[in-house]
PDB file of N, CA and C in Angstrom:
ATOM      1  N   MET A   1       5.001   0.463 -22.255  1.00  0.00           N
ATOM      2  CA  MET A   1       5.051  -0.340 -21.247  1.00  0.00           C
ATOM      3  C   MET A   1       3.488  -0.605 -21.350  1.00  0.00           C
ATOM      4  N   LYS A   2       2.978  -1.736 -20.946  1.00  0.00           N
ATOM      5  CA  LYS A   2       1.616  -2.065 -20.890  1.00  0.00           C
ATOM      6  C   LYS A   2       1.798  -2.568 -19.248  1.00  0.00           C
ATOM      7  N   VAL A   3       0.375  -2.503 -18.788  1.00  0.00           N
ATOM      8  CA  VAL A   3       0.288  -3.081 -17.306  1.00  0.00           C
ATOM      9  C   VAL A   3      -1.295  -3.005 -16.900  1.00  0.00           C
ATOM     10  N   GLN A   4      -1.457  -4.635 -16.633  1.00  0.00           N
ATOM     11  CA  GLN A   4      -2.824  -4.767 -16.401  1.00  0.00           C
ATOM     12  C   GLN A   4      -2.748  -5.639 -15.184  1.00  0.00           C
ATOM     13  N   THR A   5      -3.578  -6.259 -14.255  1.00  0.00           N
ATOM     14  CA  THR A   5      -3.900  -6.821 -13.212  1.00  0.00           C
ATOM     15  C   THR A   5      -4.644  -8.079 -13.393  1.00  0.00           C
ATOM     16  N   ALA A   6      -4.232  -9.171 -12.869  1.00  0.00           N
ATOM     17  CA  ALA A   6      -5.265 -10.239 -13.246  1.00  0.00           C
ATOM     18  C   ALA A   6      -4.898 -10.931 -11.494  1.00  0.00           C
ATOM     19  N   ARG A   7      -6.290 -11.471 -11.493  1.00  0.00           N
ATOM     20  CA  ARG A   7      -6.539 -12.577 -10.109  1.00  0.00           C
ATOM     21  C   ARG A   7      -5.983 -13.565 -10.154  1.00  0.00           C
ATOM     22  N   VAL A   8      -5.238 -14.320  -9.389  1.00  0.00           N
ATOM     23  CA  VAL A   8      -5.247 -15.966  -9.492  1.00  0.00           C
ATOM     24  C   VAL A   8      -6.150 -16.571  -9.034  1.00  0.00           C
ATOM     25  N   GLU A   9      -6.761 -17.583  -9.765  1.00  0.00           N
ATOM     26  CA  GLU A   9      -7.926 -18.423  -8.997  1.00  0.00           C
ATOM     27  C   GLU A   9      -7.744 -19.911  -9.309  1.00  0.00           C
ATOM     28  N   ASN A  10      -6.431 -20.124  -9.153  1.00  0.00           N
ATOM     29  CA  ASN A  10      -6.071 -21.324  -8.883  1.00  0.00           C
ATOM     30  C   ASN A  10      -5.600 -21.629  -7.515  1.00  0.00           C
ATOM     31  N   PRO A  11      -6.736 -22.951  -7.269  1.00  0.00           N
ATOM     32  CA  PRO A  11      -6.731 -23.285  -5.683  1.00  0.00           C
ATOM     33  C   PRO A  11      -5.231 -23.214  -5.548  1.00  0.00           C
ATOM     34  N   GLN A  12      -4.264 -24.043  -5.844  1.00  0.00           N
ATOM     35  CA  GLN A  12      -2.635 -23.823  -5.443  1.00  0.00           C
ATOM     36  C   GLN A  12      -1.829 -22.836  -5.596  1.00  0.00           C
ATOM     37  N   GLY A  13      -2.500 -21.753  -6.206  1.00  0.00           N
ATOM     38  CA  GLY A  13      -1.846 -20.401  -6.014  1.00  0.00           C
ATOM     39  C   GLY A  13      -0.710 -20.969  -7.232  1.00  0.00           C
ATOM     40  N   LEU A  14       0.016 -19.614  -7.401  1.00  0.00           N
ATOM     41  CA  LEU A  14       1.186 -19.701  -7.902  1.00  0.00           C
ATOM     42  C   LEU A  14       2.185 -20.770  -7.232  1.00  0.00           C
ATOM     43  N   HIS A  15       2.331 -22.045  -7.902  1.00  0.00           N
ATOM     44  CA  HIS A  15       3.426 -22.606  -7.178  1.00  0.00           C
ATOM     45  C   HIS A  15       4.223 -23.117  -8.231  1.00  0.00           C
ATOM     46  N   ALA A  16       5.220 -24.241  -8.223  1.00  0.00           N
ATOM     47  CA  ALA A  16       6.219 -24.687  -9.031  1.00  0.00           C
ATOM     48  C   ALA A  16       5.831 -25.165 -10.394  1.00  0.00           C
ATOM     49  N   ARG A  17       4.771 -25.511 -10.444  1.00  0.00           N
ATOM     50  CA  ARG A  17       4.553 -26.197 -12.109  1.00  0.00           C
ATOM     51  C   ARG A  17       4.054 -24.782 -12.974  1.00  0.00           C
ATOM     52  N   SER A  18       3.087 -24.528 -11.862  1.00  0.00           N
ATOM     53  CA  SER A  18       2.458 -22.804 -12.689  1.00  0.00           C
ATOM     54  C   SER A  18       3.248 -22.162 -13.042  1.00  0.00           C
ATOM     55  N   ALA A  19       4.986 -21.743 -12.103  1.00  0.00           N
ATOM     56  CA  ALA A  19       5.619 -21.007 -12.130  1.00  0.00           C
ATOM     57  C   ALA A  19       6.753 -21.407 -13.324  1.00  0.00           C
ATOM     58  N   ALA A  20       6.614 -22.780 -13.586  1.00  0.00           N
ATOM     59  CA  ALA A  20       7.469 -23.035 -14.891  1.00  0.00           C
ATOM     60  C   ALA A  20       6.658 -22.828 -16.083  1.00  0.00           C
ATOM     61  N   THR A  21       5.098 -22.933 -15.786  1.00  0.00           N
ATOM     62  CA  THR A  21       4.299 -22.552 -17.104  1.00  0.00           C
ATOM     63  C   THR A  21       4.458 -21.010 -17.838  1.00  0.00           C
ATOM     64  N   ILE A  22       4.845 -20.304 -16.634  1.00  0.00           N
ATOM     65  CA  ILE A  22       5.038 -19.148 -16.920  1.00  0.00           C
ATOM     66  C   ILE A  22       6.370 -18.520 -17.467  1.00  0.00           C
ATOM     67  N   VAL A  23       7.466 -19.441 -17.018  1.00  0.00           N
ATOM     68  CA  VAL A  23       8.591 -19.201 -17.775  1.00  0.00           C
ATOM     69  C   VAL A  23       8.708 -19.639 -19.071  1.00  0.00           C
ATOM     70  N   LYS A  24       8.214 -20.500 -19.480  1.00  0.00           N
ATOM     71  CA  LYS A  24       7.835 -21.064 -20.733  1.00  0.00           C
ATOM     72  C   LYS A  24       7.288 -19.745 -21.498  1.00  0.00           C
ATOM     73  N   LEU A  25       6.211 -19.480 -21.086  1.00  0.00           N
ATOM     74  CA  LEU A  25       5.325 -18.469 -21.704  1.00  0.00           C
ATOM     75  C   LEU A  25       6.196 -17.638 -22.481  1.00  0.00           C
ATOM     76  N   ALA A  26       7.095 -16.781 -21.430  1.00  0.00           N
ATOM     77  CA  ALA A  26       7.499 -15.564 -21.089  1.00  0.00           C
ATOM     78  C   ALA A  26       8.904 -16.042 -22.416  1.00  0.00           C
ATOM     79  N   THR A  27       9.091 -17.030 -22.135  1.00  0.00           N
ATOM     80  CA  THR A  27      10.479 -17.113 -23.152  1.00  0.00           C
ATOM     81  C   THR A  27      10.150 -17.084 -24.479  1.00  0.00           C
ATOM     82  N   LEU A  28       8.603 -17.123 -25.164  1.00  0.00           N
ATOM     83  CA  LEU A  28       8.311 -16.985 -26.173  1.00  0.00           C
ATOM     84  C   LEU A  28       8.520 -15.727 -26.982  1.00  0.00           C
ATOM     85  N   PHE A  29       8.745 -14.579 -25.787  1.00  0.00           N
ATOM     86  CA  PHE A  29       8.321 -13.146 -26.284  1.00  0.00           C
ATOM     87  C   PHE A  29       9.974 -12.522 -25.967  1.00  0.00           C
ATOM     88  N   GLN A  30       9.891 -11.538 -26.857  1.00  0.00           N
ATOM     89  CA  GLN A  30      11.051 -10.685 -26.819  1.00  0.00           C
ATOM     90  C   GLN A  30      11.216  -9.602 -25.859  1.00  0.00           C
ATOM     91  N   SER A  31       9.811  -8.963 -25.668  1.00  0.00           N
ATOM     92  CA  SER A  31       9.626  -8.128 -24.229  1.00  0.00           C
ATOM     93  C   SER A  31      10.066  -8.463 -23.010  1.00  0.00           C
ATOM     94  N   SER A  32      10.357  -7.748 -22.222  1.00  0.00           N
ATOM     95  CA  SER A  32      10.691  -7.899 -20.660  1.00  0.00           C
ATOM     96  C   SER A  32       9.107  -8.077 -20.350  1.00  0.00           C
ATOM     97  N   ILE A  33       9.051  -8.937 -19.015  1.00  0.00           N
ATOM     98  CA  ILE A  33       7.391  -8.870 -18.497  1.00  0.00           C
ATOM     99  C   ILE A  33       7.652  -9.750 -16.771  1.00  0.00           C
ATOM    100  N   GLU A  34       7.475  -8.749 -16.173  1.00  0.00           N
ATOM    101  CA  GLU A  34       7.510  -8.752 -14.812  1.00  0.00           C
ATOM    102  C   GLU A  34       6.186  -8.922 -14.453  1.00  0.00           C
ATOM    103  N   LEU A  35       6.088  -9.585 -12.806  1.00  0.00           N
ATOM    104  CA  LEU A  35       4.944 -10.002 -12.019  1.00  0.00           C
ATOM    105  C   LEU A  35       5.314  -9.403 -10.630  1.00  0.00           C
ATOM    106  N   LYS A  36       3.952  -8.579 -10.383  1.00  0.00           N
ATOM    107  CA  LYS A  36       3.988  -7.938  -9.247  1.00  0.00           C
ATOM    108  C   LYS A  36       3.126  -8.382  -8.150  1.00  0.00           C
ATOM    109  N   ASN A  37       3.260  -8.850  -7.014  1.00  0.00           N
ATOM    110  CA  ASN A  37       2.645  -8.809  -5.747  1.00  0.00           C
ATOM    111  C   ASN A  37       3.033  -7.502  -4.643  1.00  0.00           C
ATOM    112  N   GLY A  38       2.025  -6.748  -4.694  1.00  0.00           N
ATOM    113  CA  GLY A  38       2.609  -5.645  -3.436  1.00  0.00           C
ATOM    114  C   GLY A  38       3.979  -4.980  -3.932  1.00  0.00           C
ATOM    115  N   VAL A  39       4.969  -5.282  -3.504  1.00  0.00           N
ATOM    116  CA  VAL A  39       6.037  -4.734  -3.443  1.00  0.00           C
ATOM    117  C   VAL A  39       7.050  -5.627  -4.001  1.00  0.00           C
ATOM    118  N   LYS A  40       6.365  -7.107  -4.120  1.00  0.00           N
ATOM    119  CA  LYS A  40       7.287  -7.721  -4.728  1.00  0.00           C
ATOM    120  C   LYS A  40       7.551  -7.929  -6.166  1.00  0.00           C
ATOM    121  N   VAL A  41       8.361  -8.124  -6.679  1.00  0.00           N
ATOM    122  CA  VAL A  41       8.580  -8.082  -8.236  1.00  0.00           C
ATOM    123  C   VAL A  41       9.526  -9.403  -8.779  1.00  0.00           C
ATOM    124  N   ALA A  42       8.827  -9.719  -9.823  1.00  0.00           N
ATOM    125  CA  ALA A  42       9.731 -11.035 -10.142  1.00  0.00           C
ATOM    126  C   ALA A  42       9.730 -11.010 -11.889  1.00  0.00           C
ATOM    127  N   ASN A  43      10.868 -11.144 -12.102  1.00  0.00           N
ATOM    128  CA  ASN A  43      10.815 -11.115 -13.795  1.00  0.00           C
ATOM    129  C   ASN A  43      10.443 -12.674 -14.163  1.00  0.00           C
ATOM    130  N   ALA A  44       9.375 -12.708 -15.109  1.00  0.00           N
ATOM    131  CA  ALA A  44       8.976 -13.946 -15.893  1.00  0.00           C
ATOM    132  C   ALA A  44       9.821 -14.698 -15.921  1.00  0.00           C
ATOM    133  N   ARG A  45      10.749 -14.955 -16.081  1.00  0.00           N
ATOM    134  CA  ARG A  45      11.549 -15.806 -17.004  1.00  0.00           C
ATOM    135  C   ARG A  45      12.340 -16.434 -15.968  1.00  0.00           C
ATOM    136  N   ASN A  46      12.178 -16.258 -14.491  1.00  0.00           N
ATOM    137  CA  ASN A  46      12.946 -16.512 -13.296  1.00  0.00           C
ATOM    138  C   ASN A  46      11.952 -17.246 -12.190  1.00  0.00           C
ATOM    139  N   ILE A  47      12.090 -18.459 -12.487  1.00  0.00           N
ATOM    140  CA  ILE A  47      10.820 -19.591 -11.577  1.00  0.00           C
ATOM    141  C   ILE A  47      11.097 -19.471  -9.920  1.00  0.00           C
ATOM    142  N   MET A  48      12.662 -19.278  -9.559  1.00  0.00           N
ATOM    143  CA  MET A  48      12.681 -18.708  -7.836  1.00  0.00           C
ATOM    144  C   MET A  48      12.192 -17.377  -7.784  1.00  0.00           C
ATOM    145  N   ALA A  49      11.906 -16.349  -8.761  1.00  0.00           N
ATOM    146  CA  ALA A  49      11.505 -15.243  -8.244  1.00  0.00           C
ATOM    147  C   ALA A  49      10.074 -15.103  -8.254  1.00  0.00           C
ATOM    148  N   LEU A  50       9.604 -15.902  -9.424  1.00  0.00           N
ATOM    149  CA  LEU A  50       8.201 -16.194  -8.946  1.00  0.00           C
ATOM    150  C   LEU A  50       7.913 -16.836  -7.795  1.00  0.00           C
ATOM    151  N   LEU A  51       8.272 -17.712  -7.470  1.00  0.00           N
ATOM    152  CA  LEU A  51       7.749 -18.582  -6.307  1.00  0.00           C
ATOM    153  C   LEU A  51       7.956 -17.468  -5.025  1.00  0.00           C
ATOM    154  N   LEU A  52       9.024 -16.505  -5.234  1.00  0.00           N
ATOM    155  CA  LEU A  52       8.910 -15.986  -3.969  1.00  0.00           C
ATOM    156  C   LEU A  52       7.684 -14.333  -4.073  1.00  0.00           C
ATOM    157  N   LEU A  53       7.246 -14.720  -5.093  1.00  0.00           N
ATOM    158  CA  LEU A  53       5.846 -13.616  -5.335  1.00  0.00           C
ATOM    159  C   LEU A  53       4.800 -13.890  -3.727  1.00  0.00           C
ATOM    160  N   GLU A  54       4.979 -15.301  -3.656  1.00  0.00           N
ATOM    161  CA  GLU A  54       3.908 -15.841  -2.702  1.00  0.00           C
ATOM    162  C   GLU A  54       2.492 -15.740  -3.176  1.00  0.00           C
ATOM    163  N   ALA A  55       1.995 -16.031  -4.027  1.00  0.00           N
ATOM    164  CA  ALA A  55       0.680 -15.554  -5.089  1.00  0.00           C
ATOM    165  C   ALA A  55      -0.147 -16.747  -4.690  1.00  0.00           C
ATOM    166  N   THR A  56      -1.050 -16.847  -3.591  1.00  0.00           N
ATOM    167  CA  THR A  56      -1.984 -17.791  -3.107  1.00  0.00           C
ATOM    168  C   THR A  56      -2.952 -17.362  -3.790  1.00  0.00           C
ATOM    169  N   ASN A  57      -4.171 -18.161  -3.735  1.00  0.00           N
ATOM    170  CA  ASN A  57      -5.409 -18.021  -4.246  1.00  0.00           C
ATOM    171  C   ASN A  57      -6.097 -16.573  -4.133  1.00  0.00           C
ATOM    172  N   GLY A  58      -6.399 -16.268  -4.806  1.00  0.00           N
ATOM    173  CA  GLY A  58      -7.204 -14.879  -4.469  1.00  0.00           C
ATOM    174  C   GLY A  58      -6.062 -13.448  -4.601  1.00  0.00           C
ATOM    175  N   THR A  59      -4.997 -13.833  -5.251  1.00  0.00           N
ATOM    176  CA  THR A  59      -3.809 -12.733  -5.191  1.00  0.00           C
ATOM    177  C   THR A  59      -4.260 -11.883  -6.483  1.00  0.00           C
ATOM    178  N   HIS A  60      -3.919 -10.512  -6.055  1.00  0.00           N
ATOM    179  CA  HIS A  60      -4.019  -9.919  -7.683  1.00  0.00           C
ATOM    180  C   HIS A  60      -2.518  -9.721  -7.792  1.00  0.00           C
ATOM    181  N   LEU A  61      -2.244 -10.584  -9.347  1.00  0.00           N
ATOM    182  CA  LEU A  61      -1.046 -10.045  -9.654  1.00  0.00           C
ATOM    183  C   LEU A  61      -0.931  -9.018 -10.528  1.00  0.00           C
ATOM    184  N   THR A  62       0.341  -8.015 -10.844  1.00  0.00           N
ATOM    185  CA  THR A  62       0.230  -6.963 -11.343  1.00  0.00           C
ATOM    186  C   THR A  62       1.230  -7.513 -12.715  1.00  0.00           C
ATOM    187  N   VAL A  63       0.973  -7.699 -14.121  1.00  0.00           N
ATOM    188  CA  VAL A  63       1.552  -7.975 -15.072  1.00  0.00           C
ATOM    189  C   VAL A  63       1.902  -6.988 -16.030  1.00  0.00           C
ATOM    190  N   CYS A  64       3.476  -6.496 -15.787  1.00  0.00           N
ATOM    191  CA  CYS A  64       3.968  -5.754 -16.588  1.00  0.00           C
ATOM    192  C   CYS A  64       4.857  -6.228 -17.952  1.00  0.00           C
ATOM    193  N   THR A  65       4.566  -5.307 -19.023  1.00  0.00           N
ATOM    194  CA  THR A  65       5.428  -6.280 -20.086  1.00  0.00           C
ATOM    195  C   THR A  65       6.131  -4.719 -21.186  1.00  0.00           C
ATOM    196  N   GLU A  66       7.033  -4.675 -21.512  1.00  0.00           N
ATOM    197  CA  GLU A  66       7.929  -3.831 -22.238  1.00  0.00           C
ATOM    198  C   GLU A  66       8.511  -4.157 -23.038  1.00  0.00           C
ATOM    199  N   GLY A  67       8.274  -3.775 -24.643  1.00  0.00           N
ATOM    200  CA  GLY A  67       9.013  -3.951 -25.894  1.00  0.00           C
ATOM    201  C   GLY A  67       8.541  -4.142 -26.704  1.00  0.00           C
ATOM    202  N   ILE A  68       9.147  -5.157 -28.008  1.00  0.00           N
ATOM    203  CA  ILE A  68       8.165  -5.049 -29.059  1.00  0.00           C
ATOM    204  C   ILE A  68       6.784  -5.531 -29.401  1.00  0.00           C
ATOM    205  N   ASP A  69       6.707  -6.782 -28.399  1.00  0.00           N
ATOM    206  CA  ASP A  69       5.655  -7.666 -28.587  1.00  0.00           C
ATOM    207  C   ASP A  69       4.955  -7.585 -27.123  1.00  0.00           C
ATOM    208  N   GLU A  70       4.803  -6.410 -26.464  1.00  0.00           N
ATOM    209  CA  GLU A  70       4.312  -6.124 -25.144  1.00  0.00           C
ATOM    210  C   GLU A  70       2.996  -6.459 -25.125  1.00  0.00           C
ATOM    211  N   THR A  71       2.031  -5.865 -26.289  1.00  0.00           N
ATOM    212  CA  THR A  71       0.963  -6.254 -26.335  1.00  0.00           C
ATOM    213  C   THR A  71       0.149  -7.519 -26.273  1.00  0.00           C
ATOM    214  N   GLN A  72       1.005  -8.421 -26.960  1.00  0.00           N
ATOM    215  CA  GLN A  72       0.793  -9.871 -27.102  1.00  0.00           C
ATOM    216  C   GLN A  72       1.392 -10.501 -25.834  1.00  0.00           C
ATOM    217  N   ALA A  73       2.303 -10.392 -25.533  1.00  0.00           N
ATOM    218  CA  ALA A  73       2.671 -10.889 -24.004  1.00  0.00           C
ATOM    219  C   ALA A  73       1.850 -10.680 -23.192  1.00  0.00           C
ATOM    220  N   LEU A  74       1.619  -9.305 -22.996  1.00  0.00           N
ATOM    221  CA  LEU A  74       0.615  -9.369 -21.893  1.00  0.00           C
ATOM    222  C   LEU A  74      -0.700  -9.521 -21.465  1.00  0.00           C
ATOM    223  N   ALA A  75      -1.371  -9.973 -23.234  1.00  0.00           N
ATOM    224  CA  ALA A  75      -2.569 -10.757 -23.380  1.00  0.00           C
ATOM    225  C   ALA A  75      -2.425 -12.325 -23.015  1.00  0.00           C
ATOM    226  N   GLU A  76      -1.460 -12.763 -23.646  1.00  0.00           N
ATOM    227  CA  GLU A  76      -1.331 -13.863 -23.219  1.00  0.00           C
ATOM    228  C   GLU A  76      -0.874 -14.584 -21.781  1.00  0.00           C
ATOM    229  N   MET A  77      -0.057 -13.377 -20.981  1.00  0.00           N
ATOM    230  CA  MET A  77       0.179 -13.721 -19.507  1.00  0.00           C
ATOM    231  C   MET A  77      -1.038 -13.364 -18.781  1.00  0.00           C
ATOM    232  N   LEU A  78      -1.915 -12.415 -19.148  1.00  0.00           N
ATOM    233  CA  LEU A  78      -2.891 -12.369 -18.626  1.00  0.00           C
ATOM    234  C   LEU A  78      -4.102 -13.620 -18.914  1.00  0.00           C
ATOM    235  N   SER A  79      -4.111 -14.263 -19.554  1.00  0.00           N
ATOM    236  CA  SER A  79      -5.086 -15.427 -20.342  1.00  0.00           C
ATOM    237  C   SER A  79      -4.457 -16.396 -19.562  1.00  0.00           C
ATOM    238  N   LEU A  80      -2.838 -16.782 -19.114  1.00  0.00           N
ATOM    239  CA  LEU A  80      -2.553 -18.016 -18.561  1.00  0.00           C
ATOM    240  C   LEU A  80      -3.438 -17.786 -16.775  1.00  0.00           C
ATOM    241  N   ILE A  81      -2.692 -16.737 -16.692  1.00  0.00           N
ATOM    242  CA  ILE A  81      -2.935 -16.320 -15.239  1.00  0.00           C
ATOM    243  C   ILE A  81      -4.468 -16.625 -14.967  1.00  0.00           C
ATOM    244  N   GLN A  82      -5.345 -16.296 -15.795  1.00  0.00           N
ATOM    245  CA  GLN A  82      -6.603 -16.337 -15.761  1.00  0.00           C
ATOM    246  C   GLN A  82      -7.165 -17.688 -15.720  1.00  0.00           C
ATOM    247  N   ASN A  83      -6.579 -18.434 -16.467  1.00  0.00           N
ATOM    248  CA  ASN A  83      -7.163 -19.502 -16.886  1.00  0.00           C
ATOM    249  C   ASN A  83      -6.272 -20.742 -16.100  1.00  0.00           C
ATOM    250  N   ASN A  84      -6.210 -20.564 -14.691  1.00  0.00           N
ATOM    251  CA  ASN A  84      -5.411 -21.202 -14.261  1.00  0.00           C
ATOM    252  C   ASN A  84      -4.189 -22.098 -14.142  1.00  0.00           C
ATOM    253  N   PHE A  85      -3.257 -21.070 -15.062  1.00  0.00           N
ATOM    254  CA  PHE A  85      -2.162 -21.604 -15.747  1.00  0.00           C
ATOM    255  C   PHE A  85      -2.106 -22.902 -16.501  1.00  0.00           C
ATOM    256  N   GLY A  86      -3.174 -23.142 -17.149  1.00  0.00           N
ATOM    257  CA  GLY A  86      -3.299 -24.010 -17.804  1.00  0.00           C
ATOM    258  C   GLY A  86      -3.459 -25.466 -17.378  1.00  0.00           C
ATOM    259  N   GLU A  87      -3.817 -25.565 -16.120  1.00  0.00           N
ATOM    260  CA  GLU A  87      -3.849 -26.435 -15.234  1.00  0.00           C
ATOM    261  C   GLU A  87      -5.640 -26.723 -15.324  1.00  0.00           C
ATOM    262  N   THR A  88      -5.764 -27.827 -15.674  1.00  0.00           N
ATOM    263  CA  THR A  88      -7.780 -28.617 -15.762  1.00  0.00           C
ATOM    264  C   THR A  88      -7.936 -28.876 -14.361  1.00  0.00           C
ATOM    265  N   GLY A  89      -7.104 -29.854 -13.772  1.00  0.00           N
ATOM    266  CA  GLY A  89      -7.710 -30.623 -12.195  1.00  0.00           C
ATOM    267  C   GLY A  89      -7.330 -29.492 -11.244  1.00  0.00           C
ATOM    268  N   THR A  90      -8.344 -29.679 -10.159  1.00  0.00           N
ATOM    269  CA  THR A  90      -8.214 -28.917  -8.754  1.00  0.00           C
ATOM    270  C   THR A  90      -8.146 -30.144  -7.637  1.00  0.00           C
ATOM    271  N   ILE A  91      -7.961 -29.451  -6.586  1.00  0.00           N
ATOM    272  CA  ILE A  91      -7.473 -30.560  -5.580  1.00  0.00           C
ATOM    273  C   ILE A  91      -8.914 -31.149  -5.136  1.00  0.00           C
ATOM    274  N   PRO A  92      -9.132 -32.359  -5.180  1.00  0.00           N
ATOM    275  CA  PRO A  92     -10.348 -33.260  -4.855  1.00  0.00           C
ATOM    276  C   PRO A  92     -10.812 -32.721  -3.624  1.00  0.00           C
ATOM    277  N   HIS A  93     -12.229 -32.648  -3.487  1.00  0.00           N
ATOM    278  CA  HIS A  93     -12.593 -32.954  -1.907  1.00  0.00           C
ATOM    279  C   HIS A  93     -12.542 -33.923  -1.304  1.00  0.00           C
ATOM    280  N   GLU A  94     -12.689 -34.182  -0.009  1.00  0.00           N
ATOM    281  CA  GLU A  94     -12.301 -35.234   0.635  1.00  0.00           C
ATOM    282  C   GLU A  94     -14.249 -35.517   1.026  1.00  0.00           C
ATOM    283  N   HIS A  95     -14.641 -36.799   1.446  1.00  0.00           N
ATOM    284  CA  HIS A  95     -16.171 -36.896   1.409  1.00  0.00           C
ATOM    285  C   HIS A  95     -16.229 -37.737   2.692  1.00  0.00           C
TER     286      HIS A  95
END
Protein backbone atom coordinates (compact mmCIF):
# COMPACT_ATOMS: atom_id res chain seq x y z
CA MET A 1 0.00 0.00 0.00
CA LYS A 2 1.18 3.51 -0.86
CA VAL A 3 -0.09 6.57 1.01
CA GLN A 4 0.60 10.27 0.46
CA THR A 5 -1.18 13.58 1.04
CA ALA A 6 -1.88 16.40 -1.42
CA ARG A 7 -3.42 19.83 -0.87
CA VAL A 8 -6.43 20.85 -2.96
CA GLU A 9 -5.43 24.11 -4.68
CA ASN A 10 -8.45 24.40 -6.98
CA PRO A 11 -10.46 27.55 -6.08
CA GLN A 12 -13.71 25.54 -6.40
CA GLY A 13 -12.33 22.62 -4.41
CA LEU A 14 -13.34 19.10 -5.37
CA HIS A 15 -16.59 19.56 -7.32
CA ALA A 16 -18.57 17.49 -9.84
CA ARG A 17 -16.32 18.05 -12.87
CA SER A 18 -13.11 17.42 -10.93
CA ALA A 19 -14.64 14.33 -9.28
CA ALA A 20 -15.49 12.99 -12.75
CA THR A 21 -11.86 13.54 -13.78
CA ILE A 22 -10.68 11.57 -10.73
CA VAL A 23 -13.04 8.69 -11.60
CA LYS A 24 -11.80 8.67 -15.20
CA LEU A 25 -8.18 8.48 -14.05
CA ALA A 26 -8.90 5.85 -11.39
CA THR A 27 -10.47 3.50 -13.95
CA LEU A 28 -7.14 3.36 -15.82
CA PHE A 29 -5.52 1.44 -12.96
CA GLN A 30 -5.99 -2.05 -11.58
CA SER A 31 -5.10 -0.90 -8.06
CA SER A 32 -7.70 0.24 -5.56
CA ILE A 33 -7.53 3.99 -4.96
CA GLU A 34 -9.08 5.76 -1.99
CA LEU A 35 -9.15 9.42 -1.09
CA LYS A 36 -9.57 10.51 2.52
CA ASN A 37 -10.53 13.81 4.12
CA GLY A 38 -10.25 13.31 7.86
CA VAL A 39 -12.53 10.40 8.75
CA LYS A 40 -14.35 10.52 5.39
CA VAL A 41 -13.16 7.92 2.87
CA ALA A 42 -14.10 7.62 -0.81
CA ASN A 43 -13.37 5.06 -3.49
CA ALA A 44 -11.84 7.07 -6.35
CA ARG A 45 -14.17 5.28 -8.79
CA ASN A 46 -17.32 6.53 -7.00
CA ILE A 47 -18.26 10.08 -7.97
CA MET A 48 -20.87 10.50 -5.23
CA ALA A 49 -18.47 9.31 -2.52
CA LEU A 50 -15.86 11.79 -3.81
CA LEU A 51 -18.34 14.67 -3.59
CA LEU A 52 -19.23 13.65 -0.03
CA LEU A 53 -15.60 14.22 0.99
CA GLU A 54 -16.46 17.95 0.94
CA ALA A 55 -12.89 18.82 -0.05
CA THR A 56 -12.80 22.59 -0.38
CA ASN A 57 -9.84 24.71 -1.49
CA GLY A 58 -7.01 24.15 1.00
CA THR A 59 -8.16 20.69 2.10
CA HIS A 60 -5.46 18.06 2.52
CA LEU A 61 -6.55 14.83 0.84
CA THR A 62 -4.81 11.56 1.65
CA VAL A 63 -4.45 9.25 -1.36
CA CYS A 64 -4.14 5.51 -0.66
CA THR A 65 -3.38 3.05 -3.45
CA GLU A 66 -3.01 -0.70 -3.26
CA GLY A 67 -2.35 -3.20 -6.02
CA ILE A 68 -0.11 -4.15 -8.89
CA ASP A 69 0.24 -0.58 -10.26
CA GLU A 70 -0.10 1.29 -6.93
CA THR A 71 3.05 3.40 -7.37
CA GLN A 72 1.99 4.81 -10.74
CA ALA A 73 -1.62 5.22 -9.57
CA LEU A 74 -0.46 7.22 -6.55
CA ALA A 75 1.86 9.43 -8.60
CA GLU A 76 -0.77 10.25 -11.22
CA MET A 77 -3.56 10.87 -8.68
CA LEU A 78 -1.32 13.21 -6.64
CA SER A 79 -0.34 15.03 -9.82
CA LEU A 80 -3.99 15.44 -10.81
CA ILE A 81 -4.91 16.91 -7.41
CA GLN A 82 -1.87 19.21 -7.32
CA ASN A 83 -2.61 20.46 -10.85
CA ASN A 84 -6.18 21.62 -10.09
CA PHE A 85 -7.71 18.43 -11.53
CA GLY A 86 -6.55 19.47 -14.99
CA GLU A 87 -8.63 22.63 -14.93
CA THR A 88 -6.89 25.73 -16.24
CA GLY A 89 -9.61 28.30 -15.65
CA THR A 90 -10.26 29.93 -12.31
CA ILE A 91 -13.16 31.96 -11.07
CA PRO A 92 -12.91 35.44 -12.65
CA HIS A 93 -12.49 38.29 -10.20
CA GLU A 94 -15.09 41.05 -10.23
CA HIS A 95 -13.76 44.52 -11.01
